[in-house]
Amino acid sequence: MAPLPPYISIAEARARQEKMRGQVVRSGAPEDVRYVAGVDCGFPGIHEGKVTRAAVAVLAWPSLELHERSVIERPTDFPYIPGYLSFREAPAVLEVLGRLKTQPDLLIVDGQGYAHPRGFGIACHIGVETGIPSIGAGKSLLVGEYTMPAEKAGSRQPLRYKGETVGTVLRTRDGVAPLFVSVGHKMGLDAAVDWVLACTRGYRLPETTRWADGLAGDPEFQLKSRRKR
C-alpha cells in the first residue's frame, strides 16, 4: 500500500475501497499452514491518537506457540472515521508485516472483513495488499442483524446485512460475548469460522488476537500477565 498523503479526503478513501473491493476473493482456505498470525493496532494515550502502534504475533500451527513478534510505531495519517478504519491502521500494519522474518500462511485481523458497509473492512484491505489469506474477527458489531447464538462455545448464527449473509456471529467460549467473523481475502466463511475456533483455546479471543492485542497495547507484553476474559 502506498503511503497515504496527509488529509486524504473521505471521497478518495471511498474510491480506493471500491476499487480494491473487486479484488477480494471470498472462497477457499489456506493449505499447508505452518504459521498463523494476529495483527492489531493501538494508539498510545500519551500521543492523543497521533501515533499508531501496530503489532503482529506469528504463532506456530498447530501448537499456537509464539514464533515471532514485531511492534512498530508511526505517525497516524488518517482520522478515526467509522467505516474507514483501514485507512487509519493499514499503513502501520503493512509496515510491521513487512519486517517479519517469517511469512505467515494466515492472518486473523482484530476487526471486520466483508461485514462492512461497503464490503471492505480492514481484514479485506490487509489481505488484498499482502495476498495472504485473511479473516476478520471483530469484538463488536459494525453492520447487520442477527439472532444471538446459544451460550455454548461453537454456537453460531448468520450475520445478515441488506439481505445478504456477510458474516457469522460466533460463540467462542461458554457464556461470553460472541465474536463477529467475516471473510477477509482468499477465504470462505465456513473456513474462516473453523480457523477462528481452531485458534481459540479456552478464551474469548483466538490466541493470535490475544497476543496481538497485548503487543499493540504494550510492546513489553508477556502472555503470562493475561487473565481469562
Protein backbone atom coordinates (compact mmCIF):
# COMPACT_ATOMS: atom_id res chain seq x y z
CA MET A 1 0.00 0.00 0.00
CA ALA A 2 1.43 3.38 -0.98
CA PRO A 3 1.74 5.84 1.92
CA LEU A 4 -1.37 7.93 2.35
CA PRO A 5 -0.90 11.66 1.86
CA PRO A 6 -1.87 13.79 4.83
CA TYR A 7 -5.55 14.63 4.96
CA ILE A 8 -6.67 12.27 2.22
CA SER A 9 -10.34 13.00 1.67
CA ILE A 10 -13.15 10.61 2.51
CA ALA A 11 -14.12 10.63 -1.17
CA GLU A 12 -10.62 9.46 -2.13
CA ALA A 13 -10.64 6.79 0.57
CA ARG A 14 -14.03 5.54 -0.57
CA ALA A 15 -12.86 5.36 -4.18
CA ARG A 16 -9.87 3.25 -3.10
CA GLN A 17 -12.16 0.94 -1.11
CA GLU A 18 -14.48 0.42 -4.05
CA LYS A 19 -11.61 -0.26 -6.43
CA MET A 20 -9.88 -2.75 -4.13
CA ARG A 21 -13.13 -4.48 -3.15
CA GLY A 22 -13.25 -6.02 -6.62
CA GLN A 23 -10.01 -7.87 -5.86
CA VAL A 24 -11.33 -9.69 -2.78
CA VAL A 25 -11.65 -13.48 -3.12
CA ARG A 26 -14.38 -14.82 -0.79
CA SER A 27 -13.73 -18.53 -1.24
CA GLY A 28 -11.10 -21.13 -0.49
CA ALA A 29 -8.95 -21.85 2.53
CA PRO A 30 -5.20 -21.86 3.20
CA GLU A 31 -3.32 -25.12 2.69
CA ASP A 32 -0.19 -26.49 4.37
CA VAL A 33 -0.43 -23.96 7.17
CA ARG A 34 2.68 -23.68 9.34
CA TYR A 35 2.20 -20.22 10.84
CA VAL A 36 -0.86 -18.18 11.76
CA ALA A 37 -0.59 -14.52 12.70
CA GLY A 38 -2.66 -11.97 14.55
CA VAL A 39 -2.48 -8.26 13.79
CA ASP A 40 -3.83 -5.32 15.74
CA CYS A 41 -3.28 -1.60 16.27
CA GLY A 42 -3.30 0.61 19.31
CA PHE A 43 -3.00 4.34 19.85
CA PRO A 44 -0.83 5.16 22.88
CA GLY A 45 -2.69 7.59 25.11
CA ILE A 46 0.25 9.90 25.66
CA HIS A 47 0.20 10.76 21.94
CA GLU A 48 -3.55 11.53 21.74
CA GLY A 49 -4.02 9.37 18.65
CA LYS A 50 -1.19 10.98 16.71
CA VAL A 51 0.87 7.78 16.82
CA THR A 52 -0.25 4.33 15.66
CA ARG A 53 1.31 1.28 17.28
CA ALA A 54 0.95 -1.81 15.08
CA ALA A 55 1.70 -5.32 16.29
CA VAL A 56 1.93 -8.73 14.70
CA ALA A 57 2.27 -12.05 16.52
CA VAL A 58 3.21 -15.12 14.48
CA LEU A 59 2.27 -18.41 16.11
CA ALA A 60 3.32 -21.90 15.05
CA TRP A 61 0.48 -24.12 13.88
CA PRO A 62 -0.97 -26.25 15.44
CA SER A 63 0.84 -25.67 18.76
CA LEU A 64 -0.04 -21.94 18.78
CA GLU A 65 3.25 -21.21 20.50
CA LEU A 66 4.75 -17.80 19.81
CA HIS A 67 7.27 -17.97 16.98
CA GLU A 68 7.91 -14.31 16.14
CA ARG A 69 6.55 -10.92 17.09
CA SER A 70 7.10 -7.36 15.95
CA VAL A 71 5.84 -3.94 17.01
CA ILE A 72 6.29 -0.58 15.29
CA GLU A 73 5.08 2.95 15.87
CA ARG A 74 4.49 5.52 13.17
CA PRO A 75 2.56 8.77 12.73
CA THR A 76 -1.19 8.37 12.29
CA ASP A 77 -2.12 9.56 8.80
CA PHE A 78 -5.91 9.39 8.91
CA PRO A 79 -8.56 10.38 11.47
CA TYR A 80 -10.95 7.97 13.16
CA ILE A 81 -13.98 7.69 10.86
CA PRO A 82 -16.33 4.67 11.18
CA GLY A 83 -16.20 2.54 8.04
CA TYR A 84 -12.72 3.77 7.09
CA LEU A 85 -10.68 2.11 9.82
CA SER A 86 -8.29 0.51 7.35
CA PHE A 87 -7.00 3.88 6.15
CA ARG A 88 -6.06 4.72 9.73
CA GLU A 89 -4.44 1.38 10.59
CA ALA A 90 -3.39 -0.43 7.40
CA PRO A 91 -0.22 1.57 6.68
CA ALA A 92 1.23 0.65 10.08
CA VAL A 93 0.04 -2.96 9.85
CA LEU A 94 1.60 -3.40 6.43
CA GLU A 95 4.86 -1.92 7.67
CA VAL A 96 5.06 -4.25 10.64
CA LEU A 97 4.19 -7.28 8.48
CA GLY A 98 6.98 -6.28 6.12
CA ARG A 99 9.51 -6.54 8.94
CA LEU A 100 8.78 -10.19 9.71
CA LYS A 101 11.36 -12.87 9.03
CA THR A 102 8.59 -15.49 8.84
CA GLN A 103 5.82 -15.22 6.26
CA PRO A 104 2.53 -16.26 7.90
CA ASP A 105 0.15 -18.51 5.99
CA LEU A 106 -2.96 -16.99 7.55
CA LEU A 107 -3.85 -13.65 9.14
CA ILE A 108 -6.56 -13.15 11.76
CA VAL A 109 -7.26 -9.44 12.00
CA ASP A 110 -8.83 -7.78 15.03
CA GLY A 111 -11.56 -6.05 13.03
CA GLN A 112 -14.05 -6.55 10.24
CA GLY A 113 -13.70 -8.09 6.81
CA TYR A 114 -16.68 -8.41 4.45
CA ALA A 115 -19.06 -7.45 7.31
CA HIS A 116 -18.62 -3.79 6.46
CA PRO A 117 -20.89 -1.11 4.96
CA ARG A 118 -19.11 -1.41 1.62
CA GLY A 119 -17.90 -4.99 1.97
CA PHE A 120 -14.28 -3.97 2.50
CA GLY A 121 -13.13 -3.85 6.10
CA ILE A 122 -9.55 -3.87 7.31
CA ALA A 123 -9.20 -7.67 7.04
CA CYS A 124 -10.04 -7.42 3.33
CA HIS A 125 -7.70 -4.47 2.91
CA ILE A 126 -4.73 -6.23 4.52
CA GLY A 127 -5.48 -9.47 2.69
CA VAL A 128 -5.61 -7.83 -0.74
CA GLU A 129 -2.45 -5.81 -0.10
CA THR A 130 -0.41 -8.80 1.11
CA GLY A 131 -2.03 -11.65 -0.82
CA ILE A 132 -2.21 -13.65 2.43
CA PRO A 133 -5.47 -15.44 3.31
CA SER A 134 -7.15 -13.33 5.97
CA ILE A 135 -10.06 -13.35 8.39
CA GLY A 136 -11.84 -10.56 10.21
CA ALA A 137 -12.68 -11.41 13.82
CA GLY A 138 -14.21 -8.34 15.43
CA LYS A 139 -15.20 -7.90 19.05
CA SER A 140 -18.19 -5.70 18.25
CA LEU A 141 -20.85 -5.30 15.58
CA LEU A 142 -20.29 -2.87 12.73
CA VAL A 143 -23.22 -3.65 10.43
CA GLY A 144 -26.01 -6.20 10.18
CA GLU A 145 -28.63 -8.02 12.18
CA TYR A 146 -28.50 -11.39 13.88
CA THR A 147 -30.07 -13.71 16.41
CA MET A 148 -27.90 -14.24 19.46
CA PRO A 149 -26.29 -17.71 19.30
CA ALA A 150 -26.73 -20.25 22.09
CA GLU A 151 -24.49 -19.92 25.14
CA LYS A 152 -22.33 -22.96 24.37
CA ALA A 153 -18.94 -22.45 22.70
CA GLY A 154 -19.14 -23.19 18.99
CA SER A 155 -22.71 -21.94 18.65
CA ARG A 156 -23.25 -19.58 15.75
CA GLN A 157 -25.79 -17.53 13.85
CA PRO A 158 -25.61 -15.79 10.47
CA LEU A 159 -24.92 -12.07 10.34
CA ARG A 160 -27.17 -10.50 7.72
CA TYR A 161 -26.88 -7.10 6.06
CA LYS A 162 -29.05 -5.80 3.23
CA GLY A 163 -30.44 -9.27 2.61
CA GLU A 164 -27.04 -10.98 2.41
CA THR A 165 -25.09 -13.13 4.83
CA VAL A 166 -21.93 -11.13 5.44
CA GLY A 167 -20.52 -12.99 8.42
CA THR A 168 -21.09 -15.29 11.38
CA VAL A 169 -21.80 -14.40 14.99
CA LEU A 170 -19.67 -16.98 16.80
CA ARG A 171 -19.62 -18.01 20.46
CA THR A 172 -16.03 -18.96 21.21
CA ARG A 173 -16.39 -19.60 24.93
CA ASP A 174 -19.38 -20.67 27.02
CA GLY A 175 -21.39 -17.72 28.22
CA VAL A 176 -19.17 -14.90 26.94
CA ALA A 177 -19.95 -12.30 24.28
CA PRO A 178 -19.61 -13.64 20.72
CA LEU A 179 -17.19 -12.56 18.02
CA PHE A 180 -18.19 -11.28 14.59
CA VAL A 181 -16.34 -13.34 12.00
CA SER A 182 -16.20 -12.47 8.32
CA VAL A 183 -14.14 -13.20 5.25
CA GLY A 184 -11.06 -11.11 4.63
CA HIS A 185 -9.44 -12.50 1.48
CA LYS A 186 -8.86 -15.92 -0.13
CA MET A 187 -11.17 -17.48 2.42
CA GLY A 188 -14.71 -18.86 2.55
CA LEU A 189 -16.91 -18.01 5.51
CA ASP A 190 -17.18 -21.59 6.83
CA ALA A 191 -13.39 -21.95 6.68
CA ALA A 192 -12.97 -18.61 8.47
CA VAL A 193 -15.19 -19.75 11.33
CA ASP A 194 -13.36 -23.09 11.56
CA TRP A 195 -10.00 -21.33 11.78
CA VAL A 196 -11.12 -18.89 14.47
CA LEU A 197 -12.42 -21.78 16.57
CA ALA A 198 -9.25 -23.80 15.98
CA CYS A 199 -7.12 -20.90 17.19
CA THR A 200 -9.23 -20.35 20.32
CA ARG A 201 -8.00 -22.18 23.41
CA GLY A 202 -10.33 -21.53 26.33
CA TYR A 203 -10.56 -17.75 25.99
CA ARG A 204 -13.00 -15.49 24.18
CA LEU A 205 -10.36 -14.36 21.69
CA PRO A 206 -8.21 -16.57 19.44
CA GLU A 207 -4.61 -16.85 20.60
CA THR A 208 -3.47 -14.78 17.62
CA THR A 209 -5.65 -11.86 18.70
CA ARG A 210 -4.75 -12.19 22.38
CA TRP A 211 -1.08 -11.82 21.54
CA ALA A 212 -1.57 -9.01 19.02
CA ASP A 213 -3.91 -7.10 21.34
CA GLY A 214 -1.39 -7.24 24.14
CA LEU A 215 1.52 -6.19 21.97
CA ALA A 216 -0.41 -3.31 20.43
CA GLY A 217 -1.24 -2.03 23.88
CA ASP A 218 2.18 -2.63 25.43
CA PRO A 219 5.30 -3.66 23.46
CA GLU A 220 6.68 -5.33 26.61
CA PHE A 221 3.56 -7.50 26.88
CA GLN A 222 4.01 -11.02 28.29
CA LEU A 223 1.29 -13.63 27.86
CA LYS A 224 1.60 -14.84 31.45
CA SER A 225 0.22 -11.50 32.62
CA ARG A 226 -3.06 -12.03 30.78
CA ARG A 227 -6.18 -13.17 32.58
CA LYS A 228 -9.12 -15.00 31.04
CA ARG A 229 -11.75 -12.75 29.53
